Amino acid sequence: MLPTIELMVRMAKVFEVNVDYLIRDKENATISKIKIPDLRQQIEKSKRCPYADQETVVSFLDAFIKR
């Protein structure tokens, strides 16, 4: 038996996540936590970039966050 929508909403509130997080795979759930739509879209787009370019983006973000 599948949980009702009401139960899913209550569970999400208890765990302080959104319902999306409960029903999606881990990767998409993590991305769905990003509150800024433009940032979320850019991360989705970056998945299509070559691996070396993705590493550059990660390095840039690391440097930005550490400052």
Foldseek 3Di string as FASTA:
>chain_A
DDDDPVVLCVVCVVVVAHSCLVPDDPVVRVLVVDPDVVVSVVVVVCVPPDPVVVVVVVVVVVVVVVD
